[in-house]
């Protein structure tokens, strides 16, 4: 009986295996295809720049995490930069082998890390190019991914104290949370008269593009005061430093005199009621706006004695209705059938507009003879006026930093370029981003085949069935195709319709398993009856001992398999801890 039950269970397991194979068929193609994707190996660039970071050799000595605290501007709450950083390879759609990046590891935390620039960057009369990659491996719902170019200081930049208060020259990059979704471009400009710095924000900032596929962000500022913002090598915004930032770089030459005030006798009402106007004698303010139409007549078929609604003659009081508890039963009302197409009830004249209605009288408005016009303060020269026609001569840049807060972790930054050559930045992008982007897109399409074709599916009038959306119809369609092909070419039918083969195998396995279980149960009942008749004591027989030995051997064997299957396999782990040497 034990053997028969075991065979039956094997049959049931066949169904489970068939179902698993069905799903495996659906996913096998992407998995095998992903394994076949040729992934290039990262190679360090030969490009040189004032600052270029690919996180290869020597990065631990240059990057420093912050131990600073940050005070909230809303309620004064103090936060610490507890977010951990790591340099590691991406774990989502890795487009290059051995390609490492700087990763913000802690969810819902403030992160701050910075790196020095060996020689401060002076952008006087030069083109400034800022470029880096962003990869939000867990997508980016709420968080910043912008970079700050820290202002050089005679006292040196205190990397351990890097925070939101640290002076920066330029802030550039994506920021997304709630209604905010844009690419920041902010530069700090020094007032040459007062010496006070003021942030200049790009007014029409482009929308960000951050996801699990690596995005490339590029900022180009030229000596002619023009700028470009590119995302994935496409220009998303361009303009002038002198015209497209708020507040503007240069203040107005003429301003309102802050000491001037409107005279007390200034009249700025252009119109006044006519003091000489009088209400006409025939003006009736009490006349109603609507009056009954005296010309209207009652229609000949109007039934004044009939009600518009009557009790439903077919309604019956429910059997469980209790007048003492529920009250007197009243039949529900229905529309009176006699009133169909005609009026019922008391006839009332319709209302029409009153030709004598004039409303409340008010005097007409006339020009105010005392009107002096709209008052405005007098204009004076701006005592704080200055003119800086070359704001692209930014403050010297002494370091690079990421000071962000993000809900999602595993935000990766890579291939940071800060220099003066547009060509070198484009070459670096061609060597790195363009290569990995193409591979990552291919991996994404293979991992999510439905996403690749969703646009074409939406446009298709005859949308194909899918296993996820309608499994029953999908399997029936596949079975029909299988049997149709089976008559002509059995071998080809098996090869081209594996889903049908799996389903049929499962059905046969279930049927066979159930049959064996039933036979096993019947056999067990017969054996128990026969044993009860032949046994005369409770002492084990020779057969019992033999069977017991077989069961113990089987049990021991099963334990060994279980132990083997639970042995932990060695896992290769890579420890990536951001260096923090100073």
Protein backbone atom coordinates (compact mmCIF):
# COMPACT_ATOMS: atom_id res chain seq x y z
CA UNK A 1 0.00 0.00 0.00
CA UNK A 2 2.83 2.39 0.87
CA UNK A 3 4.40 1.89 -2.56
CA UNK A 4 1.09 2.49 -4.33
CA UNK A 5 0.41 5.64 -2.34
CA UNK A 6 3.91 6.83 -3.14
CA UNK A 7 3.32 6.27 -6.85
CA UNK A 8 0.07 8.19 -6.57
CA UNK A 9 1.80 11.10 -4.93
CA UNK A 10 4.39 11.01 -7.68
CA UNK A 11 1.56 11.47 -10.15
CA UNK A 12 0.28 14.48 -8.25
CA UNK A 13 3.76 15.93 -8.17
CA UNK A 14 3.80 15.53 -11.96
CA UNK A 15 1.00 18.07 -12.20
CA UNK A 16 2.91 20.51 -10.02
CA UNK A 17 5.97 19.99 -12.19
CA UNK A 18 3.91 20.57 -15.32
CA UNK A 19 2.57 23.84 -13.95
CA UNK A 20 6.08 24.93 -13.01
CA UNK A 21 7.31 23.98 -16.47
CA UNK A 22 4.52 26.05 -18.01
CA UNK A 23 5.76 29.10 -16.18
CA UNK A 24 9.32 28.13 -16.90
CA UNK A 25 8.48 28.03 -20.59
CA UNK A 26 7.18 31.55 -20.33
CA UNK A 27 10.31 32.79 -18.56
CA UNK A 28 12.94 30.51 -20.06
CA UNK A 29 13.35 32.55 -23.18
CA UNK A 30 14.18 35.80 -21.36
CA UNK A 31 16.55 34.05 -18.92
CA UNK A 32 18.41 32.16 -21.60
CA UNK A 33 18.45 35.20 -23.82
CA UNK A 34 19.85 37.33 -21.00
CA UNK A 35 22.66 34.82 -20.54
CA UNK A 36 23.43 35.16 -24.25
CA UNK A 37 23.74 38.96 -24.12
CA UNK A 38 27.33 39.99 -24.71
CA UNK A 39 28.32 42.32 -21.89
CA UNK A 40 31.51 44.31 -22.52
CA UNK A 41 34.21 44.73 -19.91
CA UNK A 42 34.90 48.15 -18.43
CA UNK A 43 38.12 49.85 -19.49
CA UNK A 44 39.51 52.99 -17.90
CA UNK A 45 39.52 56.00 -20.14
CA UNK A 46 42.71 57.72 -21.29
CA UNK A 47 41.03 61.12 -21.20
CA UNK A 48 42.53 63.63 -18.81
CA UNK A 49 40.59 66.37 -17.06
CA UNK A 50 40.80 68.61 -13.98
CA UNK A 51 38.52 66.06 -12.31
CA UNK A 52 37.60 62.65 -13.69
CA UNK A 53 36.35 59.83 -11.48
CA UNK A 54 35.56 56.30 -12.65
CA UNK A 55 36.05 54.67 -9.23
CA UNK A 56 38.98 52.50 -10.24
CA UNK A 57 42.28 52.80 -8.40
CA UNK A 58 42.95 55.37 -5.71
CA UNK A 59 39.38 56.48 -5.10
CA UNK A 60 39.37 55.56 -1.35
CA UNK A 61 42.06 58.15 -0.64
CA UNK A 62 40.09 60.93 -2.34
CA UNK A 63 36.46 60.46 -1.19
CA UNK A 64 35.37 61.35 2.33
CA UNK A 65 32.05 60.78 4.08
CA UNK A 66 30.64 63.56 6.26
CA UNK A 67 30.02 63.48 9.99
CA UNK A 68 28.13 66.76 10.01
CA UNK A 69 24.61 67.45 11.25
CA UNK A 70 21.88 69.31 9.41
CA UNK A 71 19.19 71.55 10.88
CA UNK A 72 15.76 71.49 9.28
CA UNK A 73 14.53 74.88 8.04
CA UNK A 74 10.94 73.97 8.99
CA UNK A 75 11.07 73.14 12.68
CA UNK A 76 14.73 73.26 13.61
CA UNK A 77 15.03 69.47 13.85
CA UNK A 78 18.60 68.19 13.72
CA UNK A 79 19.56 65.44 11.28
CA UNK A 80 22.83 63.56 10.89
CA UNK A 81 24.32 62.39 7.64
CA UNK A 82 23.99 58.73 8.56
CA UNK A 83 23.62 57.45 5.00
CA UNK A 84 26.27 54.88 4.10
CA UNK A 85 28.25 54.95 0.86
CA UNK A 86 29.82 52.10 -1.06
CA UNK A 87 31.68 51.61 -4.31
CA UNK A 88 30.34 48.55 -6.08
CA UNK A 89 29.00 47.14 -9.32
CA UNK A 90 25.31 47.64 -10.12
CA UNK A 91 22.98 44.76 -9.31
CA UNK A 92 20.23 45.81 -11.74
CA UNK A 93 20.81 45.64 -15.51
CA UNK A 94 24.59 45.80 -15.31
CA UNK A 95 25.75 47.01 -18.70
CA UNK A 96 29.47 46.48 -18.16
CA UNK A 97 31.60 43.95 -16.37
CA UNK A 98 33.89 45.25 -13.61
CA UNK A 99 32.23 48.67 -13.78
CA UNK A 100 32.02 50.21 -10.30
CA UNK A 101 30.14 53.25 -9.11
CA UNK A 102 29.52 55.29 -5.97
CA UNK A 103 26.31 54.04 -4.33
CA UNK A 104 24.10 55.64 -1.65
CA UNK A 105 23.18 52.55 0.37
CA UNK A 106 20.79 53.70 3.10
CA UNK A 107 17.06 54.22 2.43
CA UNK A 108 15.31 57.29 3.86
CA UNK A 109 18.52 58.92 5.03
CA UNK A 110 20.71 61.98 4.54
CA UNK A 111 23.91 61.21 2.61
CA UNK A 112 26.98 63.39 2.20
CA UNK A 113 30.28 62.52 0.55
CA UNK A 114 32.87 64.67 -1.22
CA UNK A 115 36.17 64.48 -3.06
CA UNK A 116 38.88 67.09 -3.50
CA UNK A 117 40.12 68.44 -6.81
CA UNK A 118 43.90 68.45 -6.95
CA UNK A 119 44.05 71.86 -8.63
CA UNK A 120 41.07 74.22 -8.16
CA UNK A 121 39.16 74.79 -11.40
CA UNK A 122 39.20 78.38 -12.66
CA UNK A 123 36.59 78.87 -15.37
CA UNK A 124 37.65 82.37 -16.45
CA UNK A 125 37.25 82.70 -20.22
CA UNK A 126 36.71 78.96 -20.50
CA UNK A 127 33.91 76.53 -21.22
CA UNK A 128 32.82 74.56 -18.18
CA UNK A 129 31.57 71.01 -18.72
CA UNK A 130 29.99 68.98 -15.90
CA UNK A 131 28.91 65.43 -16.68
CA UNK A 132 28.02 62.33 -14.68
CA UNK A 133 25.84 59.21 -14.71
CA UNK A 134 22.92 58.39 -12.44
CA UNK A 135 21.37 54.94 -12.02
CA UNK A 136 18.42 54.57 -9.63
CA UNK A 137 18.51 50.80 -9.16
CA UNK A 138 15.32 50.86 -7.07
CA UNK A 139 13.83 53.68 -9.14
CA UNK A 140 13.55 57.17 -7.69
CA UNK A 141 10.21 58.18 -6.20
CA UNK A 142 11.47 60.74 -3.71
CA UNK A 143 15.04 61.89 -3.48
CA UNK A 144 17.82 64.02 -4.89
CA UNK A 145 20.55 62.90 -7.26
CA UNK A 146 22.24 66.25 -7.86
CA UNK A 147 25.91 67.11 -7.54
CA UNK A 148 27.53 70.12 -5.91
CA UNK A 149 30.76 71.75 -7.08
CA UNK A 150 32.15 73.11 -3.83
CA UNK A 151 33.72 76.56 -3.72
CA UNK A 152 37.46 76.63 -3.13
CA UNK A 153 38.56 78.20 0.14
CA UNK A 154 41.85 79.59 1.43
CA UNK A 155 41.17 77.72 4.65
CA UNK A 156 40.58 74.48 2.76
CA UNK A 157 37.40 72.48 2.45
CA UNK A 158 36.46 70.60 5.61
CA UNK A 159 35.21 67.34 4.14
CA UNK A 160 34.14 65.86 7.46
CA UNK A 161 31.88 68.89 8.00
CA UNK A 162 30.36 68.87 4.50
CA UNK A 163 26.66 69.75 4.79
CA UNK A 164 23.93 71.86 3.20
CA UNK A 165 25.68 74.92 4.66
CA UNK A 166 28.94 74.26 2.81
CA UNK A 167 29.46 76.97 0.15
CA UNK A 168 29.14 75.68 -3.37
CA UNK A 169 29.66 77.24 -6.80
CA UNK A 170 27.23 75.17 -8.87
CA UNK A 171 24.51 72.67 -8.02
CA UNK A 172 23.44 70.51 -10.94
CA UNK A 173 21.35 67.37 -11.36
CA UNK A 174 17.95 65.72 -10.94
CA UNK A 175 15.63 66.14 -7.97
CA UNK A 176 12.31 64.33 -7.68
CA UNK A 177 9.73 64.20 -4.90
CA UNK A 178 6.00 64.94 -4.89
CA UNK A 179 5.26 67.83 -7.24
CA UNK A 180 9.00 68.50 -7.71
CA UNK A 181 10.52 66.80 -10.73
CA UNK A 182 13.26 68.80 -12.37
CA UNK A 183 16.94 69.13 -13.15
CA UNK A 184 18.52 71.78 -10.95
CA UNK A 185 20.98 74.30 -12.32
CA UNK A 186 21.83 76.76 -9.56
CA UNK A 187 24.92 78.91 -9.33
CA UNK A 188 25.98 81.21 -6.51
CA UNK A 189 26.85 84.73 -7.60
CA UNK A 190 28.75 87.28 -5.55
CA UNK A 191 27.48 90.86 -5.40
CA UNK A 192 30.58 92.94 -6.21
CA UNK A 193 29.31 95.84 -4.09
CA UNK A 194 28.05 94.12 -0.93
CA UNK A 195 30.07 90.91 -1.21
CA UNK A 196 26.93 88.88 -0.46
CA UNK A 197 26.35 85.64 -2.35
CA UNK A 198 22.97 84.94 -3.91
CA UNK A 199 21.65 81.73 -5.49
CA UNK A 200 20.52 82.04 -9.10
CA UNK A 201 17.97 79.38 -10.09
CA UNK A 202 17.17 78.34 -13.66
CA UNK A 203 13.54 79.37 -14.18
CA UNK A 204 12.42 76.77 -16.73
CA UNK A 205 14.21 73.70 -15.46
CA UNK A 206 13.73 70.53 -17.56
CA UNK A 207 12.04 67.45 -16.18
CA UNK A 208 14.30 64.75 -14.78
CA UNK A 209 14.83 61.29 -16.25
CA UNK A 210 16.01 58.87 -13.59
CA UNK A 211 15.39 55.13 -13.54
CA UNK A 212 16.98 51.71 -13.41
CA UNK A 213 18.59 52.37 -16.78
CA UNK A 214 21.64 54.62 -16.46
CA UNK A 215 20.98 58.27 -17.33
CA UNK A 216 23.64 60.75 -18.44
CA UNK A 217 23.47 64.37 -17.27
CA UNK A 218 25.61 67.05 -18.93
CA UNK A 219 25.91 70.79 -18.25
CA UNK A 220 27.83 73.06 -20.61
CA UNK A 221 28.45 76.73 -19.76
CA UNK A 222 30.28 78.81 -22.37
CA UNK A 223 32.19 82.09 -22.03
CA UNK A 224 29.50 83.85 -24.10
CA UNK A 225 27.19 83.28 -21.09
CA UNK A 226 25.07 80.62 -22.82
CA UNK A 227 24.37 77.21 -21.34
CA UNK A 228 23.01 73.81 -22.33
CA UNK A 229 21.56 71.00 -20.24
CA UNK A 230 21.62 67.59 -21.88
CA UNK A 231 20.06 64.35 -20.73
CA UNK A 232 21.26 61.22 -22.51
CA UNK A 233 23.07 63.39 -25.07
CA UNK A 234 19.88 65.28 -25.99
CA UNK A 235 19.62 69.02 -25.32
CA UNK A 236 16.70 69.53 -22.93
CA UNK A 237 17.26 73.19 -22.03
CA UNK A 238 19.39 76.09 -23.23
CA UNK A 239 19.57 79.80 -22.66
CA UNK A 240 21.57 82.62 -21.13
CA UNK A 241 22.96 83.15 -17.65
CA UNK A 242 21.95 86.80 -17.97
CA UNK A 243 18.31 86.22 -18.95
CA UNK A 244 16.97 82.86 -17.75
CA UNK A 245 17.70 82.86 -14.02
CA UNK A 246 15.76 84.11 -11.04
CA UNK A 247 16.61 86.42 -9.41
CA UNK A 248 18.50 87.92 -12.34
CA UNK A 249 22.26 88.29 -12.14
CA UNK A 250 22.18 92.07 -12.59
CA UNK A 251 19.78 94.32 -10.64
CA UNK A 252 17.74 97.04 -12.45
CA UNK A 253 19.35 100.44 -13.03
CA UNK A 254 16.21 102.35 -11.94
CA UNK A 255 14.08 101.44 -8.95
CA UNK A 256 11.10 102.83 -7.06
CA UNK A 257 12.04 105.34 -4.38
CA UNK A 258 11.44 103.43 -1.12
CA UNK A 259 10.98 106.75 0.72
CA UNK A 260 8.21 108.01 -1.55
CA UNK A 261 4.58 107.61 -0.44
CA UNK A 262 1.17 108.41 -1.88
CA UNK A 263 -0.23 111.83 -0.83
CA UNK A 264 -3.26 111.71 1.43
CA UNK A 265 -5.34 113.79 -1.03
CA UNK A 266 -4.49 111.59 -4.01
CA UNK A 267 -7.63 110.47 -5.84
CA UNK A 268 -7.25 107.26 -7.84
CA UNK A 269 -10.96 106.45 -8.48
CA UNK A 270 -11.49 106.95 -12.23
CA UNK A 271 -15.33 106.72 -12.07
CA UNK A 272 -17.89 107.96 -9.53
CA UNK A 273 -21.72 107.78 -9.32
CA UNK A 274 -23.42 110.77 -10.99
CA UNK A 275 -24.47 112.97 -8.03
CA UNK A 276 -27.12 114.75 -10.16
CA UNK A 277 -28.93 111.59 -11.31
CA UNK A 278 -32.46 110.89 -9.99
CA UNK A 279 -34.56 107.74 -10.11
CA UNK A 280 -37.39 108.00 -12.71
CA UNK A 281 -40.92 108.19 -11.31
CA UNK A 282 -42.07 105.11 -13.19
CA UNK A 283 -39.20 102.97 -11.89
CA UNK A 284 -40.79 100.15 -9.89
CA UNK A 285 -38.11 98.41 -7.86
CA UNK A 286 -40.70 95.96 -6.49
CA UNK A 287 -41.78 94.56 -9.85
CA UNK A 288 -41.09 90.78 -10.02
CA UNK A 289 -38.74 89.45 -12.71
CA UNK A 290 -41.31 86.75 -13.75
CA UNK A 291 -45.10 86.97 -14.16
CA UNK A 292 -47.83 84.46 -15.20
CA UNK A 293 -48.50 84.30 -18.94
CA UNK A 294 -52.03 85.71 -19.33
CA UNK A 295 -52.27 84.49 -22.91
CA UNK A 296 -51.69 80.85 -21.98
CA UNK A 297 -54.69 78.46 -22.02
CA UNK A 298 -55.19 75.10 -20.40
CA UNK A 299 -54.82 72.16 -22.86
CA UNK A 300 -58.09 70.40 -23.73
CA UNK A 301 -56.83 66.97 -22.54
CA UNK A 302 -55.59 68.25 -19.18
CA UNK A 303 -56.92 66.08 -16.33
CA UNK A 304 -57.20 68.29 -13.26
CA UNK A 305 -58.95 65.62 -11.21
CA UNK A 306 -56.16 63.09 -11.69
CA UNK A 307 -53.07 62.83 -9.48
CA UNK A 308 -49.66 62.58 -11.17
CA UNK A 309 -48.81 59.58 -8.94
CA UNK A 310 -51.10 56.83 -7.64
CA UNK A 311 -50.64 53.78 -5.38
CA UNK A 312 -49.42 50.73 -7.27
CA UNK A 313 -52.55 48.57 -7.74
CA UNK A 314 -50.43 45.43 -8.16
CA UNK A 315 -48.46 45.91 -4.96
CA UNK A 316 -49.11 43.36 -2.18
CA UNK A 317 -48.30 43.75 1.47
CA UNK A 318 -45.41 41.43 2.40
CA UNK A 319 -46.32 38.39 4.45
CA UNK A 320 -43.82 39.29 7.17
CA UNK A 321 -45.18 42.85 7.53
CA UNK A 322 -46.21 43.56 11.14
CA UNK A 323 -48.51 46.59 11.43
CA UNK A 324 -47.73 46.93 15.13
CA UNK A 325 -43.98 47.05 14.56
CA UNK A 326 -43.70 48.33 10.99
CA UNK A 327 -46.73 50.67 10.95
CA UNK A 328 -49.59 50.75 8.49
CA UNK A 329 -48.58 49.34 5.17
CA UNK A 330 -48.94 51.73 2.22
CA UNK A 331 -48.57 50.69 -1.38
CA UNK A 332 -45.69 52.39 -3.20
CA UNK A 333 -46.54 55.20 -5.63
CA UNK A 334 -46.16 54.86 -9.37
CA UNK A 335 -46.70 57.30 -12.26
CA UNK A 336 -50.35 57.66 -13.16
CA UNK A 337 -50.81 55.89 -16.53
CA UNK A 338 -53.65 58.30 -17.40
CA UNK A 339 -51.16 61.18 -17.34
CA UNK A 340 -48.94 59.75 -20.04
CA UNK A 341 -48.60 62.34 -22.80
CA UNK A 342 -50.84 64.87 -20.99
CA UNK A 343 -50.93 66.98 -17.85
CA UNK A 344 -52.58 66.09 -14.54
CA UNK A 345 -53.45 67.94 -11.37
CA UNK A 346 -54.22 71.63 -10.91
CA UNK A 347 -53.30 73.66 -13.99
CA UNK A 348 -51.07 76.72 -13.37
CA UNK A 349 -50.16 79.36 -15.93
CA UNK A 350 -46.49 79.25 -16.99
CA UNK A 351 -44.24 82.16 -16.02
CA UNK A 352 -42.72 84.57 -18.51
CA UNK A 353 -40.23 87.46 -18.19
CA UNK A 354 -41.80 90.64 -16.82
CA UNK A 355 -41.43 93.41 -19.44
CA UNK A 356 -41.75 96.04 -16.68
CA UNK A 357 -39.02 94.57 -14.49
CA UNK A 358 -36.10 96.99 -14.01
CA UNK A 359 -34.54 95.86 -10.74
CA UNK A 360 -32.92 98.08 -8.13
CA UNK A 361 -32.09 101.54 -9.41
CA UNK A 362 -28.58 102.96 -9.09
CA UNK A 363 -27.13 106.21 -10.49
CA UNK A 364 -24.98 105.92 -13.61
CA UNK A 365 -21.17 106.22 -13.33
CA UNK A 366 -19.40 109.28 -14.73
CA UNK A 367 -15.77 110.38 -15.03
CA UNK A 368 -14.35 111.58 -11.75
CA UNK A 369 -13.28 115.21 -12.19
CA UNK A 370 -10.84 114.87 -9.26
CA UNK A 371 -9.14 111.76 -10.67
CA UNK A 372 -5.35 112.09 -10.82
CA UNK A 373 -4.45 108.68 -12.22
CA UNK A 374 -2.79 105.55 -10.79
CA UNK A 375 -0.22 106.56 -8.23
CA UNK A 376 3.30 105.16 -8.48
CA UNK A 377 6.41 106.05 -6.51
CA UNK A 378 8.96 108.14 -8.27
CA UNK A 379 11.92 106.45 -9.89
CA UNK A 380 15.48 106.87 -8.68
CA UNK A 381 18.83 105.40 -9.71
CA UNK A 382 19.49 102.08 -7.97
CA UNK A 383 22.22 102.76 -5.42
CA UNK A 384 23.07 99.02 -5.43
CA UNK A 385 23.25 98.72 -9.18
CA UNK A 386 26.09 96.76 -10.72
CA UNK A 387 26.58 95.09 -14.06
CA UNK A 388 28.31 91.75 -14.38
CA UNK A 389 28.23 90.72 -18.01
CA UNK A 390 30.36 87.61 -17.41
CA UNK A 391 28.77 85.60 -14.62
CA UNK A 392 30.31 82.46 -16.15
CA UNK A 393 33.48 83.46 -14.35
CA UNK A 394 32.38 81.33 -11.45
CA UNK A 395 34.09 81.12 -8.09
CA UNK A 396 36.91 78.60 -8.20
CA UNK A 397 35.84 75.00 -7.69
CA UNK A 398 37.85 73.04 -5.12
CA UNK A 399 35.84 69.85 -4.60
CA UNK A 400 32.96 67.69 -5.78
CA UNK A 401 30.22 66.46 -3.47
CA UNK A 402 26.89 64.70 -3.21
CA UNK A 403 24.73 66.04 -0.36
CA UNK A 404 21.34 64.42 -0.79
CA UNK A 405 18.34 62.94 0.97
CA UNK A 406 16.62 59.98 -0.65
CA UNK A 407 13.88 57.50 0.19
CA UNK A 408 15.15 54.86 -2.22
CA UNK A 409 18.60 53.38 -1.68
CA UNK A 410 21.17 51.98 -4.13
CA UNK A 411 21.40 55.24 -6.04
CA UNK A 412 24.55 54.92 -8.17
CA UNK A 413 26.82 57.66 -9.56
CA UNK A 414 29.63 57.06 -12.03
CA UNK A 415 31.95 58.54 -14.69
CA UNK A 416 32.12 62.05 -13.24
CA UNK A 417 33.77 64.56 -15.57
CA UNK A 418 34.50 68.21 -14.73
CA UNK A 419 36.59 70.06 -17.23
CA UNK A 420 36.64 72.39 -20.19
CA UNK A 421 36.32 70.13 -23.23
CA UNK A 422 32.95 69.30 -24.74
CA UNK A 423 34.69 66.86 -27.06
CA UNK A 424 36.36 64.96 -24.21
CA UNK A 425 33.04 64.71 -22.37
CA UNK A 426 31.38 63.34 -25.49
CA UNK A 427 34.22 60.86 -25.98
CA UNK A 428 33.91 59.69 -22.38
CA UNK A 429 30.16 59.26 -22.85
CA UNK A 430 30.78 57.22 -26.00
CA UNK A 431 33.25 54.96 -24.18
CA UNK A 432 31.04 54.40 -21.15
CA UNK A 433 27.43 55.53 -21.11
CA UNK A 434 26.55 54.79 -24.74
CA UNK A 435 27.94 51.26 -24.44
CA UNK A 436 26.28 50.37 -21.15
CA UNK A 437 23.01 52.12 -22.06
CA UNK A 438 22.54 49.93 -25.14
CA UNK A 439 23.25 46.77 -23.14
CA UNK A 440 21.01 47.84 -20.24
CA UNK A 441 18.11 48.55 -22.59
CA UNK A 442 18.55 45.12 -24.14
CA UNK A 443 18.61 43.47 -20.71
CA UNK A 444 15.50 45.38 -19.65
CA UNK A 445 13.60 44.36 -22.77
CA UNK A 446 14.56 40.72 -22.31
CA UNK A 447 13.65 40.75 -18.63
CA UNK A 448 10.34 42.49 -19.36
CA UNK A 449 9.26 41.33 -22.83
CA UNK A 450 5.73 42.66 -22.30
CA UNK A 451 7.09 46.16 -21.75
CA UNK A 452 8.88 46.09 -25.09
CA UNK A 453 5.70 45.36 -27.00
CA UNK A 454 3.10 47.17 -24.89
CA UNK A 455 2.79 50.08 -27.34
CA UNK A 456 2.25 47.78 -30.30
CA UNK A 457 -0.24 45.70 -28.29
CA UNK A 458 -2.27 48.77 -27.43
CA UNK A 459 -2.46 49.75 -31.07
CA UNK A 460 -3.35 46.24 -32.23
CA UNK A 461 -7.05 45.66 -32.80
CA UNK A 462 -6.74 41.90 -32.39
CA UNK A 463 -4.76 41.72 -29.20
CA UNK A 464 -3.01 38.34 -28.74
CA UNK A 465 -3.88 36.24 -25.75
CA UNK A 466 -1.33 36.05 -22.93
CA UNK A 467 -0.90 33.45 -20.21
CA UNK A 468 -1.06 36.09 -17.48
CA UNK A 469 -4.21 37.87 -18.65
CA UNK A 470 -6.30 34.86 -19.67
CA UNK A 471 -4.59 31.56 -18.81
CA UNK A 472 -7.56 29.30 -19.64
CA UNK A 473 -8.15 30.78 -23.10
CA UNK A 474 -4.41 30.84 -23.78
CA UNK A 475 -3.97 27.14 -22.92
CA UNK A 476 -7.07 26.12 -24.92
CA UNK A 477 -5.79 28.02 -27.94
CA UNK A 478 -2.41 26.33 -27.64
CA UNK A 479 -4.07 22.89 -27.32
CA UNK A 480 -6.13 23.50 -30.47
CA UNK A 481 -3.01 24.40 -32.41
CA UNK A 482 -1.22 21.37 -30.97
CA UNK A 483 -3.89 18.84 -32.03
CA UNK A 484 -4.24 20.44 -35.46
CA UNK A 485 -0.49 20.11 -36.04
CA UNK A 486 -0.36 16.65 -34.45
CA UNK A 487 -2.33 15.14 -37.35
CA UNK A 488 0.12 16.47 -39.91
CA UNK A 489 3.50 16.44 -38.17
CA UNK A 490 3.61 14.84 -34.68
CA UNK A 491 7.30 15.57 -34.14
CA UNK A 492 6.98 19.23 -35.02
CA UNK A 493 3.85 19.54 -32.88
CA UNK A 494 5.73 18.37 -29.79
CA UNK A 495 8.67 20.69 -30.47
CA UNK A 496 6.67 23.83 -31.24
CA UNK A 497 3.96 23.44 -28.59
CA UNK A 498 5.76 22.53 -25.34
CA UNK A 499 3.00 24.16 -23.27
CA UNK A 500 0.42 21.66 -24.56
CA UNK A 501 2.80 18.77 -23.90
CA UNK A 502 3.31 19.93 -20.31
CA UNK A 503 -0.42 20.38 -19.70
CA UNK A 504 -1.29 16.97 -21.16
CA UNK A 505 1.52 15.35 -19.16
CA UNK A 506 0.14 16.94 -16.02
CA UNK A 507 -3.37 15.71 -16.73
CA UNK A 508 -2.17 12.16 -17.38
CA UNK A 509 -0.01 12.30 -14.26
CA UNK A 510 -2.92 13.43 -12.10
CA UNK A 511 -5.20 10.75 -13.47
CA UNK A 512 -2.58 8.04 -12.97
CA UNK A 513 -1.80 9.29 -9.48
CA UNK A 514 -5.42 9.37 -8.37
CA UNK A 515 -5.99 5.87 -9.75
CA UNK A 516 -3.02 4.49 -7.84
CA UNK A 517 -4.14 6.20 -4.62
CA UNK A 518 -7.63 4.68 -4.93
CA UNK A 519 -6.21 1.23 -5.67
CA UNK A 520 -3.80 1.62 -2.79
CA UNK A 521 -6.56 2.51 -0.36
CA UNK A 522 -8.68 -0.46 -1.47
CA UNK A 523 -5.71 -2.78 -1.22
CA UNK A 524 -4.95 -1.45 2.22
CA UNK A 525 -8.46 -2.16 3.43
CA UNK A 526 -8.31 -5.74 2.08
CA UNK A 527 -4.89 -6.36 3.63
CA UNK A 528 -6.01 -5.02 6.98
CA UNK A 529 -9.06 -7.29 6.91
CA UNK A 530 -6.99 -10.33 5.99
CA UNK A 531 -4.39 -9.51 8.61
CA UNK A 532 -7.04 -9.14 11.27
CA UNK A 533 -8.28 -12.62 10.46
CA UNK A 534 -4.90 -14.36 10.32
CA UNK A 535 -3.11 -12.66 13.23
CA UNK A 536 -3.75 -14.25 16.61
CA UNK A 537 -1.49 -12.02 18.72
CA UNK A 538 -0.01 -8.55 18.73
CA UNK A 539 3.53 -9.87 18.36
CA UNK A 540 5.22 -8.74 15.12
CA UNK A 541 5.51 -11.33 12.42
CA UNK A 542 8.48 -11.93 10.19
CA UNK A 543 6.81 -9.93 7.44
CA UNK A 544 6.22 -7.06 9.87
CA UNK A 545 9.89 -7.03 10.85
CA UNK A 546 10.98 -7.10 7.23
CA UNK A 547 8.61 -4.28 6.30
CA UNK A 548 9.72 -2.31 9.37
CA UNK A 549 13.34 -2.63 8.32
CA UNK A 550 12.52 -1.37 4.86
CA UNK A 551 10.69 1.61 6.34
CA UNK A 552 13.63 2.45 8.63
CA UNK A 553 16.05 2.27 5.70
CA UNK A 554 13.80 4.51 3.68
CA UNK A 555 13.50 6.95 6.58
CA UNK A 556 17.26 7.08 7.04
CA UNK A 557 17.75 7.63 3.33
CA UNK A 558 15.21 10.45 3.32
CA UNK A 559 16.97 12.19 6.23
CA UNK A 560 20.26 12.11 4.36
CA UNK A 561 18.70 13.73 1.29
CA UNK A 562 17.09 16.41 3.43
CA UNK A 563 20.41 17.17 5.10
CA UNK A 564 22.17 17.36 1.73
CA UNK A 565 19.54 19.64 0.31
CA UNK A 566 19.82 22.03 3.25
CA UNK A 567 23.60 22.30 3.18
CA UNK A 568 24.50 25.93 2.61
CA UNK A 569 26.45 26.59 -0.54
CA UNK A 570 29.38 29.00 -0.36
CA UNK A 571 28.28 32.50 -1.44
CA UNK A 572 30.73 34.90 -3.04
CA UNK A 573 30.29 38.29 -1.47
CA UNK A 574 32.07 41.50 -2.22
CA UNK A 575 32.62 43.89 0.65
CA UNK A 576 32.55 47.47 -0.54
CA UNK A 577 33.16 50.09 2.10
CA UNK A 578 33.84 53.63 0.97
CA UNK A 579 37.26 54.78 2.00
CA UNK A 580 37.54 57.65 4.36
CA UNK A 581 41.21 58.48 4.63
CA UNK A 582 42.18 62.04 5.32
